[in-house]
Amino acid sequence: MSVTGVGSPSLPRSPLADTVLERLTATYGAAADPARAAPMRAYMKNVAPFLGLTTPVRRALSRTVVEGTPRPDETDCTAVALRCWRLPEREYQYFAVDYLRRHARVLSSGFLPVARHLVSTTPWWDTVDLLAAHVVGALVAADPALKADMDAWIVDEDLWIARTALLHQLRYKERTDTERLFTYCLHQSGHPDFFIRKAIGWALREYAKTDPEAVRGFLAREKGRFAPLSVREALKNIGA
């Protein structure tokens, strides 16, 4: 089914989420490193405060947090993600993204409004790109009716929603809907923002690993419509 709702999702009750969040905040909080937090926040353009946990440390702590917990269902995943997004420090949102990636198979089409909320709330490439490729992409692959939602997202005024539509097929390889990919790129070819222009190039570059001639041919026909950044990114590994 197509999912078109845009409102903020409600927070469901989940005893498992209660347990995970209690462990998470205690474990991450005890390991916080203020000396690292400031430069991490600066690197991410002050989009959010940080605890100062490096990726290897954070992932090791995350394994401790979920150790022994049962497999979540969609309600549990929704509760974990929304509660992490309500916490200020960015590492909690990283945990949520990893949790959703790990359990993407339990998510149904009905999760798409939650994914949209996550993409559009405190958005930056560090969370948006992973949600696009590993969560939204998985949802659309499992339910092709959601392609209609992607058709709406690609023309959304929120650049992060549009970027998600551009990138949701990143992992599809030979399953890529080529016509839709190229149409999306053309839809946004005149966008002035760096993050959209970069996403166009990245989406094309990734598909070029599967069908380089299709990408070359597309750009040969439409090259004049794209920013140089998009073209350079698309042809980075295959040449003109």
C-alpha atoms as a PDB file:
ATOM      1  CA  MET A   1       0.000   0.000   0.000  1.00  0.00           C
ATOM      2  CA  SER A   2       1.026   3.576  -0.558  1.00  0.00           C
ATOM      3  CA  VAL A   3       1.678   5.596   2.592  1.00  0.00           C
ATOM      4  CA  THR A   4       1.112   9.306   2.259  1.00  0.00           C
ATOM      5  CA  GLY A   5       0.686  10.571   5.832  1.00  0.00           C
ATOM      6  CA  VAL A   6       3.153  13.251   6.933  1.00  0.00           C
ATOM      7  CA  GLY A   7       2.108  13.965  10.535  1.00  0.00           C
ATOM      8  CA  SER A   8       4.376  13.323  13.482  1.00  0.00           C
ATOM      9  CA  PRO A   9       4.003   9.656  14.540  1.00  0.00           C
ATOM     10  CA  SER A  10       2.771   8.768  18.016  1.00  0.00           C
ATOM     11  CA  LEU A  11       5.097   7.018  20.456  1.00  0.00           C
ATOM     12  CA  PRO A  12       3.883   3.455  21.067  1.00  0.00           C
ATOM     13  CA  ARG A  13       4.254   1.584  24.337  1.00  0.00           C
ATOM     14  CA  SER A  14       7.025  -1.002  24.311  1.00  0.00           C
ATOM     15  CA  PRO A  15       8.519  -2.719  27.373  1.00  0.00           C
ATOM     16  CA  LEU A  16      11.456  -3.771  25.208  1.00  0.00           C
ATOM     17  CA  ALA A  17      12.117  -0.146  24.250  1.00  0.00           C
ATOM     18  CA  ASP A  18      11.972   0.778  27.923  1.00  0.00           C
ATOM     19  CA  THR A  19      14.695  -1.760  28.658  1.00  0.00           C
ATOM     20  CA  VAL A  20      16.840  -0.801  25.665  1.00  0.00           C
ATOM     21  CA  LEU A  21      16.668   2.935  26.389  1.00  0.00           C
ATOM     22  CA  GLU A  22      17.447   2.461  30.073  1.00  0.00           C
ATOM     23  CA  ARG A  23      20.520   0.426  29.207  1.00  0.00           C
ATOM     24  CA  LEU A  24      21.462   2.734  26.364  1.00  0.00           C
ATOM     25  CA  THR A  25      21.430   6.005  28.274  1.00  0.00           C
ATOM     26  CA  ALA A  26      23.291   4.466  31.211  1.00  0.00           C
ATOM     27  CA  THR A  27      25.947   2.805  29.031  1.00  0.00           C
ATOM     28  CA  TYR A  28      26.521   5.671  26.624  1.00  0.00           C
ATOM     29  CA  GLY A  29      26.344   8.268  29.368  1.00  0.00           C
ATOM     30  CA  ALA A  30      29.010   6.545  31.469  1.00  0.00           C
ATOM     31  CA  ALA A  31      31.370   6.437  28.469  1.00  0.00           C
ATOM     32  CA  ALA A  32      30.896  10.060  27.376  1.00  0.00           C
ATOM     33  CA  ASP A  33      34.102  11.892  26.452  1.00  0.00           C
ATOM     34  CA  PRO A  34      33.598  15.673  26.548  1.00  0.00           C
ATOM     35  CA  ALA A  35      37.033  16.291  25.036  1.00  0.00           C
ATOM     36  CA  ARG A  36      35.982  14.490  21.872  1.00  0.00           C
ATOM     37  CA  ALA A  37      32.426  15.799  21.875  1.00  0.00           C
ATOM     38  CA  ALA A  38      33.245  19.378  20.878  1.00  0.00           C
ATOM     39  CA  PRO A  39      35.247  18.589  17.714  1.00  0.00           C
ATOM     40  CA  MET A  40      32.702  15.946  16.688  1.00  0.00           C
ATOM     41  CA  ARG A  41      29.927  18.499  16.962  1.00  0.00           C
ATOM     42  CA  ALA A  42      31.948  21.026  14.961  1.00  0.00           C
ATOM     43  CA  TYR A  43      32.646  18.457  12.227  1.00  0.00           C
ATOM     44  CA  MET A  44      28.907  17.879  11.896  1.00  0.00           C
ATOM     45  CA  LYS A  45      28.270  21.612  11.576  1.00  0.00           C
ATOM     46  CA  ASN A  46      26.661  21.850  15.034  1.00  0.00           C
ATOM     47  CA  VAL A  47      23.601  19.909  13.928  1.00  0.00           C
ATOM     48  CA  ALA A  48      23.426  18.330  17.408  1.00  0.00           C
ATOM     49  CA  PRO A  49      25.463  17.896  20.585  1.00  0.00           C
ATOM     50  CA  PHE A  50      27.629  14.791  20.931  1.00  0.00           C
ATOM     51  CA  LEU A  51      28.667  12.532  23.775  1.00  0.00           C
ATOM     52  CA  GLY A  52      32.107  12.104  22.233  1.00  0.00           C
ATOM     53  CA  LEU A  53      31.910   8.384  21.419  1.00  0.00           C
ATOM     54  CA  THR A  54      34.001   7.220  18.475  1.00  0.00           C
ATOM     55  CA  THR A  55      32.357   4.756  16.111  1.00  0.00           C
ATOM     56  CA  PRO A  56      34.273   1.651  17.336  1.00  0.00           C
ATOM     57  CA  VAL A  57      33.571   2.526  20.963  1.00  0.00           C
ATOM     58  CA  ARG A  58      29.920   3.285  20.274  1.00  0.00           C
ATOM     59  CA  ARG A  59      29.336   0.035  18.406  1.00  0.00           C
ATOM     60  CA  ALA A  60      30.998  -1.994  21.149  1.00  0.00           C
ATOM     61  CA  LEU A  61      28.791  -0.301  23.721  1.00  0.00           C
ATOM     62  CA  SER A  62      25.736  -0.919  21.553  1.00  0.00           C
ATOM     63  CA  ARG A  63      26.427  -4.641  21.532  1.00  0.00           C
ATOM     64  CA  THR A  64      26.425  -4.550  25.312  1.00  0.00           C
ATOM     65  CA  VAL A  65      23.141  -2.642  25.339  1.00  0.00           C
ATOM     66  CA  VAL A  66      21.238  -5.160  23.173  1.00  0.00           C
ATOM     67  CA  GLU A  67      22.900  -8.303  24.508  1.00  0.00           C
ATOM     68  CA  GLY A  68      20.263 -10.757  25.672  1.00  0.00           C
ATOM     69  CA  THR A  69      17.311  -8.686  24.487  1.00  0.00           C
ATOM     70  CA  PRO A  70      14.627 -10.380  22.365  1.00  0.00           C
ATOM     71  CA  ARG A  71      14.095  -9.762  18.679  1.00  0.00           C
ATOM     72  CA  PRO A  72      11.957  -6.626  18.340  1.00  0.00           C
ATOM     73  CA  ASP A  73       8.795  -6.249  16.321  1.00  0.00           C
ATOM     74  CA  GLU A  74       7.810  -3.128  14.404  1.00  0.00           C
ATOM     75  CA  THR A  75       6.261  -1.495  17.471  1.00  0.00           C
ATOM     76  CA  ASP A  76       9.476  -1.995  19.422  1.00  0.00           C
ATOM     77  CA  CYS A  77      11.585  -0.581  16.593  1.00  0.00           C
ATOM     78  CA  THR A  78       9.308   2.422  16.297  1.00  0.00           C
ATOM     79  CA  ALA A  79       9.489   3.119  20.024  1.00  0.00           C
ATOM     80  CA  VAL A  80      13.272   2.754  20.154  1.00  0.00           C
ATOM     81  CA  ALA A  81      13.795   5.041  17.162  1.00  0.00           C
ATOM     82  CA  LEU A  82      11.398   7.763  18.263  1.00  0.00           C
ATOM     83  CA  ARG A  83      12.743   7.792  21.808  1.00  0.00           C
ATOM     84  CA  CYS A  84      16.328   7.997  20.576  1.00  0.00           C
ATOM     85  CA  TRP A  85      15.351  10.888  18.326  1.00  0.00           C
ATOM     86  CA  ARG A  86      13.994  12.744  21.357  1.00  0.00           C
ATOM     87  CA  LEU A  87      17.398  12.620  23.061  1.00  0.00           C
ATOM     88  CA  PRO A  88      19.698  15.502  22.153  1.00  0.00           C
ATOM     89  CA  GLU A  89      23.033  13.751  21.644  1.00  0.00           C
ATOM     90  CA  ARG A  90      23.670  12.447  18.153  1.00  0.00           C
ATOM     91  CA  GLU A  91      25.031   9.076  19.197  1.00  0.00           C
ATOM     92  CA  TYR A  92      21.567   8.030  20.351  1.00  0.00           C
ATOM     93  CA  GLN A  93      20.264   8.626  16.850  1.00  0.00           C
ATOM     94  CA  TYR A  94      23.164   6.608  15.451  1.00  0.00           C
ATOM     95  CA  PHE A  95      22.119   3.762  17.744  1.00  0.00           C
ATOM     96  CA  ALA A  96      18.561   3.993  16.438  1.00  0.00           C
ATOM     97  CA  VAL A  97      19.699   3.898  12.813  1.00  0.00           C
ATOM     98  CA  ASP A  98      21.856   0.828  13.475  1.00  0.00           C
ATOM     99  CA  TYR A  99      18.963  -0.825  15.308  1.00  0.00           C
ATOM    100  CA  LEU A 100      16.602  -0.217  12.402  1.00  0.00           C
ATOM    101  CA  ARG A 101      19.167  -1.469   9.887  1.00  0.00           C
ATOM    102  CA  ARG A 102      19.635  -4.651  11.879  1.00  0.00           C
ATOM    103  CA  HIS A 103      15.900  -5.313  12.133  1.00  0.00           C
ATOM    104  CA  ALA A 104      14.667  -3.873   8.839  1.00  0.00           C
ATOM    105  CA  ARG A 105      12.964  -7.137   7.927  1.00  0.00           C
ATOM    106  CA  VAL A 106      10.369  -6.738  10.684  1.00  0.00           C
ATOM    107  CA  LEU A 107       9.295  -3.319   9.355  1.00  0.00           C
ATOM    108  CA  SER A 108       6.181  -3.033   7.213  1.00  0.00           C
ATOM    109  CA  SER A 109       4.961  -0.387   4.813  1.00  0.00           C
ATOM    110  CA  GLY A 110       3.338   1.317   7.775  1.00  0.00           C
ATOM    111  CA  PHE A 111       6.763   2.300   9.053  1.00  0.00           C
ATOM    112  CA  LEU A 112       7.332   4.730   6.207  1.00  0.00           C
ATOM    113  CA  PRO A 113       5.793   7.750   8.006  1.00  0.00           C
ATOM    114  CA  VAL A 114       8.104   7.050  10.941  1.00  0.00           C
ATOM    115  CA  ALA A 115      11.063   6.910   8.565  1.00  0.00           C
ATOM    116  CA  ARG A 116       9.993  10.221   7.069  1.00  0.00           C
ATOM    117  CA  HIS A 117       9.840  11.755  10.547  1.00  0.00           C
ATOM    118  CA  LEU A 118      13.364  10.523  11.303  1.00  0.00           C
ATOM    119  CA  VAL A 119      14.698  11.829   7.999  1.00  0.00           C
ATOM    120  CA  SER A 120      13.180  15.275   8.442  1.00  0.00           C
ATOM    121  CA  THR A 121      13.905  15.761  12.165  1.00  0.00           C
ATOM    122  CA  THR A 122      17.395  17.095  12.987  1.00  0.00           C
ATOM    123  CA  PRO A 123      18.448  16.099   9.469  1.00  0.00           C
ATOM    124  CA  TRP A 124      21.999  15.775   8.240  1.00  0.00           C
ATOM    125  CA  TRP A 125      23.753  13.379   5.917  1.00  0.00           C
ATOM    126  CA  ASP A 126      25.069  11.194   8.752  1.00  0.00           C
ATOM    127  CA  THR A 127      21.614   9.817   9.571  1.00  0.00           C
ATOM    128  CA  VAL A 128      19.660  10.583   6.396  1.00  0.00           C
ATOM    129  CA  ASP A 129      21.862   8.598   4.026  1.00  0.00           C
ATOM    130  CA  LEU A 130      21.776   5.419   6.108  1.00  0.00           C
ATOM    131  CA  LEU A 131      18.036   5.676   6.587  1.00  0.00           C
ATOM    132  CA  ALA A 132      17.606   6.164   2.845  1.00  0.00           C
ATOM    133  CA  ALA A 133      19.704   3.217   1.737  1.00  0.00           C
ATOM    134  CA  HIS A 134      19.030   0.707   4.505  1.00  0.00           C
ATOM    135  CA  VAL A 135      15.563   1.490   5.847  1.00  0.00           C
ATOM    136  CA  VAL A 136      13.505   3.353   3.244  1.00  0.00           C
ATOM    137  CA  GLY A 137      15.121   1.364   0.449  1.00  0.00           C
ATOM    138  CA  ALA A 138      14.293  -1.899   2.210  1.00  0.00           C
ATOM    139  CA  LEU A 139      10.678  -0.835   2.722  1.00  0.00           C
ATOM    140  CA  VAL A 140      10.204   0.042  -0.951  1.00  0.00           C
ATOM    141  CA  ALA A 141      11.884  -3.171  -2.085  1.00  0.00           C
ATOM    142  CA  ALA A 142       9.503  -5.180   0.097  1.00  0.00           C
ATOM    143  CA  ASP A 143       6.412  -3.265  -1.049  1.00  0.00           C
ATOM    144  CA  PRO A 144       6.678  -1.812  -4.576  1.00  0.00           C
ATOM    145  CA  ALA A 145       3.465   0.165  -3.955  1.00  0.00           C
ATOM    146  CA  LEU A 146       5.653   2.538  -1.931  1.00  0.00           C
ATOM    147  CA  LYS A 147       7.252   3.704  -5.179  1.00  0.00           C
ATOM    148  CA  ALA A 148       4.323   6.118  -5.358  1.00  0.00           C
ATOM    149  CA  ASP A 149       5.505   7.667  -2.108  1.00  0.00           C
ATOM    150  CA  MET A 150       9.010   8.011  -3.492  1.00  0.00           C
ATOM    151  CA  ASP A 151       7.507   9.772  -6.514  1.00  0.00           C
ATOM    152  CA  ALA A 152       6.046  12.292  -4.072  1.00  0.00           C
ATOM    153  CA  TRP A 153       9.215  12.544  -1.985  1.00  0.00           C
ATOM    154  CA  ILE A 154      11.434  13.390  -4.955  1.00  0.00           C
ATOM    155  CA  VAL A 155       9.566  16.663  -5.496  1.00  0.00           C
ATOM    156  CA  ASP A 156       9.213  17.484  -1.793  1.00  0.00           C
ATOM    157  CA  GLU A 157      10.324  20.941  -0.668  1.00  0.00           C
ATOM    158  CA  ASP A 158      12.384  19.355   2.125  1.00  0.00           C
ATOM    159  CA  LEU A 159      15.730  18.662   0.475  1.00  0.00           C
ATOM    160  CA  TRP A 160      16.424  15.755   2.854  1.00  0.00           C
ATOM    161  CA  ILE A 161      13.206  14.025   1.835  1.00  0.00           C
ATOM    162  CA  ALA A 162      14.148  14.530  -1.820  1.00  0.00           C
ATOM    163  CA  ARG A 163      17.685  13.273  -1.114  1.00  0.00           C
ATOM    164  CA  THR A 164      16.209  10.149   0.463  1.00  0.00           C
ATOM    165  CA  ALA A 165      14.187   9.463  -2.667  1.00  0.00           C
ATOM    166  CA  LEU A 166      17.312   9.886  -4.786  1.00  0.00           C
ATOM    167  CA  LEU A 167      19.319   7.497  -2.619  1.00  0.00           C
ATOM    168  CA  HIS A 168      16.782   4.857  -1.642  1.00  0.00           C
ATOM    169  CA  GLN A 169      17.912   2.527  -4.474  1.00  0.00           C
ATOM    170  CA  LEU A 170      21.616   2.713  -3.604  1.00  0.00           C
ATOM    171  CA  ARG A 171      21.811  -0.983  -2.661  1.00  0.00           C
ATOM    172  CA  TYR A 172      19.489  -2.346  -5.343  1.00  0.00           C
ATOM    173  CA  LYS A 173      22.171  -3.078  -7.974  1.00  0.00           C
ATOM    174  CA  GLU A 174      20.541  -5.115 -10.778  1.00  0.00           C
ATOM    175  CA  ARG A 175      17.118  -4.621  -9.146  1.00  0.00           C
ATOM    176  CA  THR A 176      17.338  -0.853  -9.709  1.00  0.00           C
ATOM    177  CA  ASP A 177      14.353   0.749 -11.383  1.00  0.00           C
ATOM    178  CA  THR A 178      16.535   2.535 -13.920  1.00  0.00           C
ATOM    179  CA  GLU A 179      13.808   4.659 -15.437  1.00  0.00           C
ATOM    180  CA  ARG A 180      12.765   5.894 -12.002  1.00  0.00           C
ATOM    181  CA  LEU A 181      16.372   6.599 -10.994  1.00  0.00           C
ATOM    182  CA  PHE A 182      17.042   8.655 -14.115  1.00  0.00           C
ATOM    183  CA  THR A 183      13.696  10.455 -13.834  1.00  0.00           C
ATOM    184  CA  TYR A 184      14.432  11.382 -10.228  1.00  0.00           C
ATOM    185  CA  CYS A 185      17.826  12.744 -11.178  1.00  0.00           C
ATOM    186  CA  LEU A 186      16.244  14.861 -13.899  1.00  0.00           C
ATOM    187  CA  HIS A 187      13.566  16.108 -11.497  1.00  0.00           C
ATOM    188  CA  GLN A 188      16.259  17.564  -9.260  1.00  0.00           C
ATOM    189  CA  SER A 189      18.896  18.423 -11.863  1.00  0.00           C
ATOM    190  CA  GLY A 190      18.439  22.153 -11.366  1.00  0.00           C
ATOM    191  CA  HIS A 191      18.471  22.090  -7.576  1.00  0.00           C
ATOM    192  CA  PRO A 192      20.931  24.659  -6.171  1.00  0.00           C
ATOM    193  CA  ASP A 193      21.847  22.775  -2.984  1.00  0.00           C
ATOM    194  CA  PHE A 194      25.117  20.848  -2.678  1.00  0.00           C
ATOM    195  CA  PHE A 195      23.483  17.881  -0.936  1.00  0.00           C
ATOM    196  CA  ILE A 196      21.038  17.271  -3.767  1.00  0.00           C
ATOM    197  CA  ARG A 197      23.673  17.692  -6.475  1.00  0.00           C
ATOM    198  CA  LYS A 198      25.992  15.345  -4.616  1.00  0.00           C
ATOM    199  CA  ALA A 199      23.211  12.775  -4.153  1.00  0.00           C
ATOM    200  CA  ILE A 200      22.457  12.773  -7.879  1.00  0.00           C
ATOM    201  CA  GLY A 201      26.068  11.988  -8.655  1.00  0.00           C
ATOM    202  CA  TRP A 202      26.293   9.369  -5.916  1.00  0.00           C
ATOM    203  CA  ALA A 203      23.123   7.567  -7.025  1.00  0.00           C
ATOM    204  CA  LEU A 204      24.347   7.446 -10.614  1.00  0.00           C
ATOM    205  CA  ARG A 205      27.867   6.421  -9.607  1.00  0.00           C
ATOM    206  CA  GLU A 206      26.525   3.542  -7.553  1.00  0.00           C
ATOM    207  CA  TYR A 207      24.314   2.298 -10.371  1.00  0.00           C
ATOM    208  CA  ALA A 208      27.247   2.626 -12.763  1.00  0.00           C
ATOM    209  CA  LYS A 209      28.853  -0.287 -10.894  1.00  0.00           C
ATOM    210  CA  THR A 210      26.011  -2.411 -12.294  1.00  0.00           C
ATOM    211  CA  ASP A 211      25.437  -0.820 -15.704  1.00  0.00           C
ATOM    212  CA  PRO A 212      28.113   1.728 -16.621  1.00  0.00           C
ATOM    213  CA  GLU A 213      26.919   2.038 -20.215  1.00  0.00           C
ATOM    214  CA  ALA A 214      23.434   3.029 -19.105  1.00  0.00           C
ATOM    215  CA  VAL A 215      24.851   5.809 -16.944  1.00  0.00           C
ATOM    216  CA  ARG A 216      27.215   6.993 -19.672  1.00  0.00           C
ATOM    217  CA  GLY A 217      24.392   7.023 -22.200  1.00  0.00           C
ATOM    218  CA  PHE A 218      22.066   8.895 -19.846  1.00  0.00           C
ATOM    219  CA  LEU A 219      24.632  11.575 -19.124  1.00  0.00           C
ATOM    220  CA  ALA A 220      25.557  11.855 -22.786  1.00  0.00           C
ATOM    221  CA  ARG A 221      21.935  12.648 -23.544  1.00  0.00           C
ATOM    222  CA  GLU A 222      21.264  14.878 -20.537  1.00  0.00           C
ATOM    223  CA  LYS A 223      24.683  16.125 -19.414  1.00  0.00           C
ATOM    224  CA  GLY A 224      23.851  19.770 -19.998  1.00  0.00           C
ATOM    225  CA  ARG A 225      21.073  19.608 -17.424  1.00  0.00           C
ATOM    226  CA  PHE A 226      23.330  18.613 -14.514  1.00  0.00           C
ATOM    227  CA  ALA A 227      25.727  20.540 -12.333  1.00  0.00           C
ATOM    228  CA  PRO A 228      29.419  19.703 -12.907  1.00  0.00           C
ATOM    229  CA  LEU A 229      29.554  18.236  -9.389  1.00  0.00           C
ATOM    230  CA  SER A 230      26.847  15.702 -10.247  1.00  0.00           C
ATOM    231  CA  VAL A 231      28.557  14.696 -13.483  1.00  0.00           C
ATOM    232  CA  ARG A 232      31.992  14.333 -11.868  1.00  0.00           C
ATOM    233  CA  GLU A 233      30.561  12.163  -9.107  1.00  0.00           C
ATOM    234  CA  ALA A 234      28.602   9.996 -11.534  1.00  0.00           C
ATOM    235  CA  LEU A 235      31.584   9.338 -13.802  1.00  0.00           C
ATOM    236  CA  LYS A 236      34.228   9.075 -11.089  1.00  0.00           C
ATOM    237  CA  ASN A 237      34.820   5.358 -11.545  1.00  0.00           C
ATOM    238  CA  ILE A 238      33.856   4.823 -15.186  1.00  0.00           C
ATOM    239  CA  GLY A 239      35.124   7.866 -17.069  1.00  0.00           C
ATOM    240  CA  ALA A 240      33.313   9.770 -19.787  1.00  0.00           C
END
